[in-house]
Protein backbone atom coordinates (compact mmCIF):
# COMPACT_ATOMS: atom_id res chain seq x y z
CA MET A 1 -27.49 -26.23 1.56
CA PHE A 2 -27.82 -30.28 0.59
CA THR A 3 -30.14 -30.06 -2.66
CA HIS A 4 -27.50 -30.64 -5.37
CA VAL A 5 -25.33 -33.15 -3.16
CA ASP A 6 -25.59 -36.81 -4.11
CA GLN A 7 -27.16 -38.56 -1.28
CA PRO A 8 -28.05 -35.56 0.61
CA LEU A 9 -29.05 -37.29 3.93
CA ALA A 10 -25.59 -39.03 4.50
CA TYR A 11 -23.57 -36.19 3.56
CA ALA A 12 -25.32 -34.21 6.24
CA GLU A 13 -24.46 -36.92 8.98
CA THR A 14 -20.90 -37.15 7.37
CA LEU A 15 -20.65 -33.35 7.88
CA LEU A 16 -22.18 -33.15 11.57
CA ALA A 17 -19.82 -35.99 12.55
CA GLN A 18 -16.86 -33.93 11.07
CA PHE A 19 -17.97 -30.55 13.13
CA THR A 20 -17.95 -33.14 16.16
CA HIS A 21 -14.69 -34.56 15.52
CA LEU A 22 -13.03 -31.34 15.12
CA ALA A 23 -14.52 -29.94 17.99
CA ARG A 24 -12.20 -32.36 19.99
CA ALA A 25 -8.86 -31.69 18.35
CA PRO A 26 -6.07 -31.27 20.91
CA ASP A 27 -3.92 -28.87 19.05
CA ASP A 28 -4.09 -26.43 15.89
CA ASP A 29 -1.82 -29.01 13.95
CA SER A 30 -4.48 -31.95 14.40
CA LEU A 31 -7.18 -29.42 13.70
CA MET A 32 -6.24 -27.81 10.20
CA GLY A 33 -4.87 -31.69 9.14
CA ASP A 34 -8.03 -33.40 10.16
CA PHE A 35 -10.01 -30.26 8.44
CA VAL A 36 -8.25 -30.98 4.94
CA GLN A 37 -8.75 -34.63 5.43
CA GLY A 38 -12.38 -34.26 6.01
CA VAL A 39 -13.18 -32.22 3.43
CA ALA A 40 -11.31 -34.37 0.90
CA GLY A 41 -13.93 -36.83 1.88
CA LEU A 42 -16.79 -35.15 1.65
CA SER A 43 -15.74 -33.56 -1.61
CA GLY A 44 -14.35 -36.46 -2.94
CA CYS A 45 -11.24 -34.67 -4.03
CA GLU A 46 -7.94 -35.97 -4.39
CA LEU A 47 -6.63 -32.59 -2.89
CA ALA A 48 -7.66 -30.16 -0.28
CA GLN A 49 -5.80 -27.37 1.11
CA LEU A 50 -5.96 -24.96 3.73
CA TYR A 51 -4.72 -20.98 3.76
CA VAL A 52 -4.75 -18.93 6.72
CA LEU A 53 -4.05 -15.18 6.84
CA ASP A 54 -1.02 -14.31 9.29
CA ALA A 55 -2.08 -11.69 11.99
CA THR A 56 -1.31 -8.86 10.02
CA HIS A 57 -3.22 -10.11 7.04
CA THR A 58 -0.31 -9.59 5.00
CA TYR A 59 1.15 -13.07 3.98
CA LEU A 60 -1.31 -15.88 3.01
CA GLY A 61 0.45 -19.04 4.70
CA LEU A 62 -0.57 -23.06 3.48
CA SER A 63 -1.04 -24.38 6.75
CA ALA A 64 -2.42 -27.73 5.64
CA GLN A 65 -2.56 -29.90 2.78
CA TYR A 66 -4.18 -33.37 1.94
CA LEU A 67 -3.05 -35.50 -1.12
CA ASN A 68 -4.34 -38.56 -2.03
CA GLY A 69 -5.11 -40.12 1.00
CA ARG A 70 -2.23 -38.41 2.64
CA ALA A 71 -1.75 -35.48 4.70
CA GLN A 72 1.41 -33.70 3.77
CA ALA A 73 3.47 -30.88 5.61
CA ARG A 74 4.06 -27.95 3.34
CA GLU A 75 5.99 -26.31 6.19
CA GLY A 76 7.62 -22.55 5.73
CA GLN A 77 5.41 -22.07 2.12
CA SER A 78 3.67 -18.77 2.18
CA ILE A 79 2.22 -16.28 -0.44
CA PRO A 80 2.14 -12.50 0.21
CA ALA A 81 -1.68 -11.45 0.17
CA ASP A 82 -1.01 -8.60 -2.13
CA TYR A 83 0.54 -10.86 -5.04
CA ASN A 84 0.12 -9.96 -8.73
CA GLY A 85 0.37 -14.07 -9.82
CA ASP A 86 -2.31 -16.92 -8.85
CA GLU A 87 -5.13 -14.70 -9.63
CA LEU A 88 -7.54 -17.65 -8.64
CA LEU A 89 -6.32 -16.93 -5.32
CA GLN A 90 -6.27 -13.38 -5.18
CA PHE A 91 -9.84 -12.74 -6.46
CA ALA A 92 -11.36 -15.25 -3.99
CA LEU A 93 -9.63 -13.91 -1.23
CA CYS A 94 -9.64 -9.87 -2.29
CA GLN A 95 -12.96 -9.91 -3.36
CA ASN A 96 -14.90 -12.75 -0.89
CA ARG A 97 -16.19 -14.79 -4.15
CA VAL A 98 -16.13 -18.42 -4.70
CA VAL A 99 -14.35 -19.80 -7.65
CA CYS A 100 -15.41 -23.10 -8.95
CA LEU A 101 -13.81 -24.01 -12.16
CA SER A 102 -15.38 -27.56 -13.76
CA ASP A 103 -12.98 -27.21 -17.06
CA LEU A 104 -9.51 -25.82 -15.91
CA ASN A 105 -7.74 -24.46 -18.76
CA THR A 106 -3.92 -24.34 -17.32
CA ARG A 107 -3.04 -21.54 -19.84
CA LEU A 108 -5.33 -19.46 -18.91
CA HIS A 109 -4.77 -19.72 -15.23
CA GLU A 110 -1.91 -19.47 -12.99
CA MET A 111 -1.68 -22.82 -11.15
CA SER A 112 1.37 -22.81 -9.03
CA PHE A 113 -0.22 -23.20 -5.75
CA LEU A 114 -1.14 -26.48 -6.81
CA PRO A 115 1.11 -29.92 -6.32
CA PRO A 116 3.07 -30.29 -9.96
CA GLY A 117 3.03 -33.37 -12.02
CA VAL A 118 -0.61 -34.19 -12.19
CA VAL A 119 -3.16 -32.75 -14.28
CA TRP A 120 -6.07 -31.00 -12.35
CA ASN A 121 -9.36 -30.70 -13.99
CA SER A 122 -11.63 -29.47 -11.33
CA LEU A 123 -11.31 -26.74 -8.83
CA LEU A 124 -13.02 -25.24 -5.91
CA CYS A 125 -11.64 -22.04 -4.02
CA ILE A 126 -13.54 -20.63 -0.78
CA PRO A 127 -12.80 -17.95 0.92
CA LEU A 128 -13.41 -18.53 4.89
CA LEU A 129 -14.78 -15.88 6.97
CA ASN A 130 -13.84 -15.17 10.60
CA GLN A 131 -16.33 -14.35 13.43
CA LYS A 132 -16.03 -10.40 12.29
CA GLN A 133 -17.30 -11.42 8.95
CA THR A 134 -13.97 -10.79 7.37
CA VAL A 135 -11.79 -13.15 4.93
CA GLU A 136 -8.99 -14.95 7.09
CA GLY A 137 -8.33 -18.02 4.51
CA LEU A 138 -9.04 -20.05 1.86
CA LEU A 139 -10.05 -23.49 1.19
CA VAL A 140 -9.39 -25.58 -2.29
CA CYS A 141 -10.07 -28.42 -3.59
CA ALA A 142 -8.91 -29.79 -6.67
CA THR A 143 -9.93 -33.20 -8.38
CA GLN A 144 -8.70 -34.98 -11.71
CA ARG A 145 -12.05 -35.55 -13.08
CA LYS A 146 -13.63 -33.08 -14.52
CA ALA A 147 -16.86 -32.09 -11.84
CA ASP A 148 -19.07 -29.08 -10.36
CA LEU A 149 -18.04 -28.73 -6.90
CA ASP A 150 -20.00 -25.73 -6.76
CA SER A 151 -22.53 -27.69 -4.59
CA TYR A 152 -19.97 -28.08 -1.32
CA ALA A 153 -19.32 -24.78 -1.27
CA GLY A 154 -21.84 -23.47 1.41
CA SER A 155 -21.32 -26.27 3.61
CA LEU A 156 -17.52 -26.28 3.13
CA ALA A 157 -17.75 -22.61 4.20
CA GLN A 158 -19.59 -22.89 7.22
CA LEU A 159 -17.01 -26.01 8.30
CA GLY A 160 -14.09 -23.71 7.57
CA SER A 161 -15.37 -20.85 9.12
CA PHE A 162 -15.74 -23.20 12.15
CA VAL A 163 -12.16 -24.31 12.04
CA LEU A 164 -10.88 -20.71 11.88
CA GLY A 165 -12.77 -19.95 15.13
CA GLN A 166 -11.63 -23.38 16.97
CA LEU A 167 -8.26 -21.93 16.06
CA HIS A 168 -8.74 -18.44 17.72
CA LEU A 169 -10.33 -20.23 20.92
CA GLN A 170 -6.90 -22.57 21.61
CA ARG A 171 -4.78 -19.70 20.86
CA ALA A 172 -6.46 -18.13 23.73
CA LEU A 173 -6.55 -20.50 25.95
CA ARG A 174 -2.40 -20.93 25.03
CA ARG A 175 -2.31 -17.34 25.95
CA SER A 176 -4.04 -17.52 29.19
CA THR A 177 -2.11 -20.45 30.51
CA GLY A 178 1.21 -18.40 29.20
CA GLU A 179 1.99 -21.09 26.64
CA LEU A 180 4.05 -19.70 23.28
CA ARG A 181 2.39 -19.16 20.15
CA THR A 182 3.55 -21.00 17.36
CA PRO A 183 3.49 -19.04 14.00
CA LEU A 184 1.22 -20.38 11.42
CA VAL A 185 3.58 -18.84 8.22
CA SER A 186 6.86 -18.02 8.07
CA GLU A 187 8.62 -14.50 8.55
CA PRO A 188 7.30 -11.98 5.43
CA ARG A 189 9.33 -11.38 2.35
CA VAL A 190 9.91 -7.74 1.39
CA SER A 191 7.60 -7.04 -1.34
CA GLY A 192 7.95 -3.75 -3.64
CA TYR A 193 4.34 -3.23 -4.29
CA GLY A 194 4.97 -2.33 -7.74
CA LEU A 195 7.44 0.38 -6.16
CA ILE A 196 11.30 1.27 -7.61
CA GLY A 197 14.06 0.58 -4.67
CA GLU A 198 16.33 -2.18 -3.16
CA SER A 199 18.04 0.30 -0.97
CA GLN A 200 17.72 -0.90 3.09
CA VAL A 201 15.58 1.81 3.81
CA MET A 202 13.00 1.55 1.26
CA ARG A 203 12.76 -2.48 2.14
CA GLU A 204 11.62 -0.86 5.52
CA THR A 205 9.42 1.06 4.11
CA TYR A 206 8.25 -2.25 2.21
CA SER A 207 7.69 -3.77 5.69
CA LEU A 208 5.50 -0.84 7.21
CA ILE A 209 3.10 -0.80 3.88
CA SER A 210 2.87 -4.84 4.45
CA LYS A 211 1.86 -4.22 8.14
CA VAL A 212 -1.39 -1.53 6.98
CA LEU A 213 -2.25 -3.09 3.62
CA HIS A 214 -5.14 -5.08 4.98
CA SER A 215 -5.68 -2.99 7.77
CA PRO A 216 -8.96 0.06 8.50
CA TYR A 217 -6.26 2.19 10.17
CA THR A 218 -5.21 5.64 8.72
CA VAL A 219 -1.96 6.16 7.21
CA MET A 220 0.15 9.57 7.33
CA LEU A 221 2.91 9.72 4.88
CA LEU A 222 5.82 11.93 6.07
CA GLY A 223 8.64 13.27 3.82
CA GLU A 224 10.23 15.49 1.76
CA THR A 225 8.65 17.06 -1.21
CA GLY A 226 9.12 15.13 -4.42
CA SER A 227 10.06 11.76 -2.20
CA GLY A 228 6.98 10.09 -3.72
CA LYS A 229 3.87 10.21 -1.00
CA GLU A 230 1.52 10.21 -3.81
CA VAL A 231 3.05 7.20 -5.77
CA VAL A 232 3.32 5.12 -2.35
CA ALA A 233 -0.29 6.27 -1.60
CA ARG A 234 -1.46 4.78 -4.71
CA ALA A 235 0.29 1.26 -3.84
CA ILE A 236 -1.64 0.99 -0.49
CA HIS A 237 -4.57 1.34 -2.47
CA ASP A 238 -3.54 -1.02 -5.58
CA TYR A 239 -2.22 -3.65 -3.69
CA GLY A 240 -4.94 -3.55 -1.10
CA PRO A 241 -8.64 -4.61 -0.93
CA ARG A 242 -9.95 -1.50 -2.23
CA ARG A 243 -8.20 -1.96 -5.03
CA SER A 244 -11.64 -2.48 -7.44
CA GLN A 245 -12.80 1.28 -6.13
CA ALA A 246 -11.71 4.74 -6.83
CA PHE A 247 -8.81 5.91 -5.74
CA ILE A 248 -8.95 10.00 -5.44
CA VAL A 249 -6.66 12.76 -4.58
CA GLN A 250 -7.09 15.96 -3.50
CA ASN A 251 -4.40 18.27 -2.58
CA CYS A 252 -5.16 20.80 0.62
CA ALA A 253 -3.29 23.61 -0.55
CA ALA A 254 -4.72 23.83 -4.14
CA PHE A 255 -8.11 25.55 -2.91
CA PRO A 256 -9.44 28.50 -0.55
CA GLU A 257 -11.27 27.14 2.22
CA ASN A 258 -14.71 27.57 1.10
CA LEU A 259 -13.84 25.90 -1.93
CA LEU A 260 -12.23 22.96 -0.50
CA GLU A 261 -15.07 22.31 1.95
CA SER A 262 -17.31 22.00 -1.53
CA GLU A 263 -14.98 20.10 -2.60
CA LEU A 264 -14.53 17.57 -0.19
CA PHE A 265 -18.29 17.14 1.32
CA GLY A 266 -20.40 18.27 -1.90
CA TYR A 267 -23.51 20.45 -1.91
CA ARG A 268 -27.08 20.80 -2.46
CA LYS A 269 -29.15 23.25 -4.45
CA GLY A 270 -29.44 26.33 -3.28
CA ALA A 271 -26.43 25.93 -0.79
CA PHE A 272 -24.78 29.15 -2.09
CA THR A 273 -24.63 31.35 -4.82
CA GLY A 274 -24.09 29.56 -8.10
CA ALA A 275 -25.32 26.09 -6.86
CA ASP A 276 -28.23 25.47 -9.08
CA CYS A 277 -27.96 21.49 -8.29
CA ASP A 278 -27.16 18.58 -5.94
CA ARG A 279 -23.47 17.78 -6.18
CA PRO A 280 -21.74 15.01 -4.28
CA GLY A 281 -18.10 15.58 -3.24
CA LEU A 282 -15.04 13.81 -3.01
CA PHE A 283 -16.06 11.78 0.17
CA ASP A 284 -18.96 10.11 -1.71
CA ALA A 285 -16.98 9.81 -5.06
CA ALA A 286 -14.37 7.56 -3.23
CA ASN A 287 -16.70 5.64 -1.13
CA GLY A 288 -15.95 1.98 -1.01
CA GLY A 289 -12.25 3.13 -1.92
CA THR A 290 -9.39 5.51 -0.77
CA LEU A 291 -8.97 9.30 -0.65
CA LEU A 292 -5.39 10.62 -0.27
CA LEU A 293 -5.77 14.29 1.09
CA ASP A 294 -2.16 15.84 0.31
CA GLU A 295 -0.30 18.84 1.90
CA ILE A 296 -2.99 17.98 5.08
CA GLY A 297 -0.91 20.65 7.10
CA ASP A 298 -2.32 23.29 4.81
CA MET A 299 -5.93 22.27 5.34
CA PRO A 300 -7.72 25.40 7.44
CA LEU A 301 -8.83 24.66 10.85
CA SER A 302 -12.48 24.85 10.27
CA LEU A 303 -12.36 22.12 7.53
CA GLN A 304 -9.87 19.91 10.21
CA ALA A 305 -13.03 19.82 12.82
CA LYS A 306 -14.88 18.56 10.00
CA LEU A 307 -12.64 15.98 8.99
CA LEU A 308 -12.12 14.64 12.41
CA ARG A 309 -15.91 13.86 12.84
CA VAL A 310 -15.34 11.93 9.52
CA LEU A 311 -12.32 9.83 10.62
CA GLN A 312 -14.25 9.32 14.02
CA GLU A 313 -18.00 8.96 12.80
CA GLY A 314 -17.50 7.91 9.10
CA GLU A 315 -20.54 10.13 8.26
CA ILE A 316 -20.44 13.46 6.07
CA ARG A 317 -23.10 16.39 6.04
CA PRO A 318 -23.06 18.16 2.45
CA LEU A 319 -23.17 22.03 2.28
CA GLY A 320 -26.70 23.07 2.52
CA SER A 321 -27.87 19.93 3.89
CA SER A 322 -29.04 19.14 7.30
CA ASP A 323 -28.77 15.19 7.30
CA THR A 324 -25.47 13.36 7.40
CA HIS A 325 -25.06 9.56 5.71
CA THR A 326 -22.31 7.26 6.01
CA ILE A 327 -19.54 6.49 3.82
CA ASP A 328 -16.99 3.93 3.78
CA VAL A 329 -13.59 5.92 2.44
CA ARG A 330 -10.01 4.61 3.69
CA ILE A 331 -8.10 8.13 4.31
CA ILE A 332 -4.22 8.34 3.60
CA ALA A 333 -2.94 11.88 4.37
CA ALA A 334 0.31 13.03 3.41
CA THR A 335 2.53 16.02 4.37
CA HIS A 336 6.05 17.37 4.15
CA ARG A 337 5.62 19.86 6.88
CA ASP A 338 6.21 18.87 10.41
CA LEU A 339 2.61 18.56 12.23
CA THR A 340 3.86 18.56 15.58
CA VAL A 341 5.17 21.94 14.70
CA LEU A 342 2.32 23.12 13.67
CA VAL A 343 0.34 21.89 16.37
CA SER A 344 2.79 23.65 18.88
CA GLU A 345 2.13 26.81 16.78
CA GLY A 346 -1.88 26.38 17.13
CA LYS A 347 -2.15 26.00 13.01
CA PHE A 348 -2.92 22.08 13.59
CA ARG A 349 -5.42 20.56 15.53
CA GLU A 350 -3.82 17.92 18.03
CA ASP A 351 -6.98 15.60 18.53
CA LEU A 352 -6.91 15.58 14.37
CA TYR A 353 -2.91 14.97 14.65
CA TYR A 354 -3.34 12.03 16.40
CA ARG A 355 -6.09 10.42 14.86
CA LEU A 356 -4.27 10.91 11.45
CA ALA A 357 -1.34 9.43 12.97
CA GLN A 358 -2.15 6.05 13.70
CA PHE A 359 0.06 4.56 11.40
CA PRO A 360 2.87 7.07 10.02
CA ILE A 361 5.15 6.21 7.34
CA GLU A 362 8.22 8.48 6.63
CA LEU A 363 9.39 8.22 3.04
CA PRO A 364 13.14 8.42 2.82
CA PRO A 365 14.93 11.26 0.88
CA LEU A 366 16.65 10.31 -2.30
CA ARG A 367 20.21 10.75 -0.99
CA GLN A 368 19.59 8.42 1.39
CA ARG A 369 18.48 5.53 -0.57
CA GLU A 370 21.65 4.15 -1.71
CA GLY A 371 22.07 2.35 -5.24
CA ASP A 372 18.23 3.54 -6.00
CA ILE A 373 19.38 6.49 -8.14
CA LEU A 374 19.97 4.17 -10.89
CA LEU A 375 17.26 1.76 -10.46
CA LEU A 376 15.32 4.99 -11.08
CA ALA A 377 16.69 6.82 -13.54
CA ARG A 378 16.66 3.66 -15.94
CA HIS A 379 13.20 3.19 -15.49
CA PHE A 380 12.58 6.60 -16.10
CA ALA A 381 14.46 6.67 -18.96
CA ASP A 382 12.68 3.63 -20.32
CA LYS A 383 9.37 4.91 -19.84
CA ALA A 384 10.39 7.85 -21.92
CA CYS A 385 11.54 6.40 -24.36
CA ALA A 386 8.23 4.27 -24.53
CA PHE A 387 6.46 7.52 -24.52
CA LEU A 388 8.40 9.20 -27.39
CA GLN A 389 8.41 6.05 -29.85
CA ARG A 390 12.15 5.53 -29.51
CA GLU A 391 14.56 3.06 -29.12
CA VAL A 392 15.48 2.61 -25.68
CA LEU A 393 18.95 4.59 -24.81
CA GLN A 394 22.15 3.22 -23.62
CA TRP A 395 24.08 4.61 -20.65
CA SER A 396 27.22 6.02 -20.41
CA GLN A 397 29.23 4.87 -17.43
CA ALA A 398 30.08 8.65 -16.83
CA ALA A 399 26.19 9.85 -16.91
CA LEU A 400 26.00 6.94 -14.09
CA ASP A 401 28.86 8.69 -12.23
CA HIS A 402 27.27 12.14 -12.57
CA LEU A 403 23.93 11.33 -11.51
CA ILE A 404 25.57 9.20 -8.32
CA GLY A 405 27.44 12.50 -7.30
CA TYR A 406 24.54 14.81 -7.09
CA ALA A 407 22.10 15.14 -3.76
CA PHE A 408 18.93 15.93 -5.48
CA PRO A 409 17.22 17.83 -2.93
CA GLY A 410 13.99 17.59 -5.16
CA ASN A 411 14.05 14.12 -4.75
CA VAL A 412 12.56 11.41 -6.80
CA ARG A 413 10.71 14.13 -8.64
CA GLU A 414 13.67 16.20 -9.66
CA LEU A 415 15.20 12.70 -10.95
CA LYS A 416 12.31 12.00 -13.03
CA GLY A 417 12.45 15.41 -14.80
CA LEU A 418 15.93 15.35 -15.29
CA VAL A 419 16.32 12.09 -16.95
CA GLU A 420 12.91 12.61 -19.26
CA ARG A 421 14.91 16.10 -20.38
CA ALA A 422 18.19 14.19 -20.81
CA VAL A 423 16.05 11.83 -23.28
CA LEU A 424 14.76 14.80 -24.97
CA LEU A 425 18.05 16.33 -25.75
CA CYS A 426 19.75 12.83 -26.52
CA GLU A 427 20.23 12.85 -30.25
CA GLY A 428 22.20 9.35 -30.23
CA GLU A 429 21.74 6.28 -28.84
CA GLU A 430 23.87 6.94 -25.23
CA LEU A 431 23.07 9.23 -22.55
CA LEU A 432 26.01 11.37 -21.98
CA PRO A 433 26.83 13.61 -19.06
CA GLU A 434 25.88 16.77 -21.14
CA HIS A 435 22.27 15.57 -21.30
CA PHE A 436 22.16 15.90 -17.36
CA THR A 437 24.05 19.11 -16.78
CA ARG A 438 21.88 21.40 -15.14
CA ARG A 439 21.89 25.07 -15.30
CA HIS A 440 23.63 25.70 -11.64
CA ASP A 441 26.64 23.32 -13.31
CA LEU A 442 27.21 25.59 -16.42
CA ALA A 443 27.20 28.57 -13.91
CA LEU A 444 30.16 26.86 -12.03
CA GLU A 445 32.02 25.48 -15.07
CA GLY A 446 32.40 28.53 -16.86
CA SER A 447 33.38 30.35 -13.67
CA SER A 448 36.91 30.85 -12.05
CA LEU A 449 36.16 31.21 -8.63
CA SER A 450 38.26 29.74 -6.12
CA LEU A 451 37.38 26.78 -4.20
CA ARG A 452 36.36 28.46 -0.99
CA GLU A 453 34.02 30.71 -3.44
CA ARG A 454 32.40 27.46 -4.93
CA LEU A 455 31.94 25.95 -1.76
CA GLU A 456 29.85 28.95 -0.35
CA GLN A 457 27.81 28.99 -3.69
CA VAL A 458 26.67 25.17 -3.31
CA GLU A 459 26.23 25.78 0.76
CA ARG A 460 24.07 29.50 0.15
CA SER A 461 22.19 27.09 -3.26
CA TRP A 462 21.51 24.13 -0.31
CA VAL A 463 20.18 26.77 2.72
CA ARG A 464 17.48 28.47 0.13
CA GLU A 465 16.22 24.96 -1.22
CA CYS A 466 15.89 24.19 2.30
CA LEU A 467 14.06 26.97 3.38
CA ARG A 468 11.86 26.85 0.07
CA LYS A 469 10.60 23.21 0.74
CA ASN A 470 9.93 24.53 4.38
CA ASP A 471 8.06 27.55 3.42
CA GLY A 472 10.53 29.50 5.17
CA ASN A 473 10.28 28.13 8.46
CA GLN A 474 13.41 28.36 9.59
CA THR A 475 13.07 26.24 12.58
CA LEU A 476 12.34 23.62 10.25
CA ALA A 477 15.31 23.95 7.83
CA ALA A 478 17.63 23.94 10.66
CA ARG A 479 16.58 20.74 11.78
CA GLU A 480 16.42 19.16 8.02
CA LEU A 481 20.53 20.48 7.79
CA GLY A 482 21.27 19.15 11.16
CA LEU A 483 22.12 22.50 12.45
CA PRO A 484 20.59 24.85 15.36
CA ARG A 485 18.52 27.70 14.38
CA ARG A 486 20.95 29.96 15.71
CA THR A 487 24.01 28.82 13.43
CA LEU A 488 21.43 28.75 10.36
CA LEU A 489 20.61 32.30 11.17
CA TYR A 490 24.41 32.91 11.36
CA ARG A 491 24.97 31.32 7.78
CA MET A 492 22.03 33.36 6.20
CA GLU A 493 23.85 36.35 7.28
CA ARG A 494 27.23 35.49 6.15
CA LEU A 495 25.77 33.99 2.96
CA ASN A 496 23.55 36.95 2.05
CA VAL A 497 20.49 34.80 2.17
CA GLN A 498 17.06 35.96 2.62
CA VAL A 499 13.51 34.42 3.53
CA GLY A 500 11.88 33.97 0.29
CA GLU A 501 14.52 33.90 -2.17
CA ARG A 502 14.96 31.91 -5.11
CA ASP A 503 18.05 30.88 -7.04
CA GLY A 504 18.35 33.17 -9.75
């Protein structure tokens, strides 16, 4: 460990003295402050920084800094662990890799985490592991001279891991004596994870995502059709520690039972007629990454038992094989159906439901996302213009008002289709209300119906849409409409609405 260090014996003695000194630190601040001071002395660097992840592994807080011979407090500074800037810290944190640069180029690398006003030429960034061998912090050393700091990485990593262990030990002692715990970092800031929306309900969704992003728990995404469940699942993957691995989506309603089983678990040669070679399944294809099981409520009961074993044991057995093998896949489930109702009806396993619903996130419908409709509409329009290689279109106020006044029963998916169609219809440079006119609007516009008749048409359309989204389930449709089931049946009879009927 010390073969490439100048004066290895003296270095080893100094390192041992640091272990002894840090073991006697009376509190967190002394422990972390003495640590960065010791690191600066051991490495000969003018700067040493200690970053520690918060309890939810969501935010990376600068807990201690030693600069030019002085300890400096940097209270309240924290960086989201899913951030896109500071690529060097991001790489070390998410990939568990040491970063060593002996000739820094500030034009190539973002260095905002280093103190300004100084020309830094060499950098060492070391991931710090806890007792579970997962990354819990980072140690950063920097100097103004050009130097190869890599020889210090191994010993400083051991010292840093020791400090993390001491922090956990001190907090455990404080908890046992009833002392209050002092947080290491400030309150998390809201991050959008590449998602679009500034409404309060979306901010609450971002907060939930941040809590589960860096944990291994299974996520259940709930919400109406078209509310963006797959987009959120991809965001959890793209901003989490598995981002460099595969993200695979499988719709459980898209295949019959026997085909879905072979698609998920794979099969061995000769397992069934036509199986002329071994074929890995989607669990194997997503190994190390994320598998989204969309419309999980439509998975057959026999497959639900096999999925439960995957979640509990992390093992799969391909069709036609007598052997099992382990996999490491993060599973995200999504559905627009109420699984508690399916459980009560015997159509979904109760034990699987509780295993999947470790961390449910219910996505709000678009009609509840105040202010987000226009943000999404502009985004979809700009993307459509870029795809069609045409100039970005302007929006008339009348067109914006037209969108705000619509409830969007199809949610974000319906808005996206509506905007893309409007871009295709627009022959000028400005989007107008007529570009967004729906067939239903035209029917109302050209009719001479009374107000009551028009309201009945709208009510009839709304009831049909809710029944369609809930696959004809009147109980779920009534719940979504905020009506007792008996009232819904009465209105269906009065409006002449049949189950399975669609707008004509």
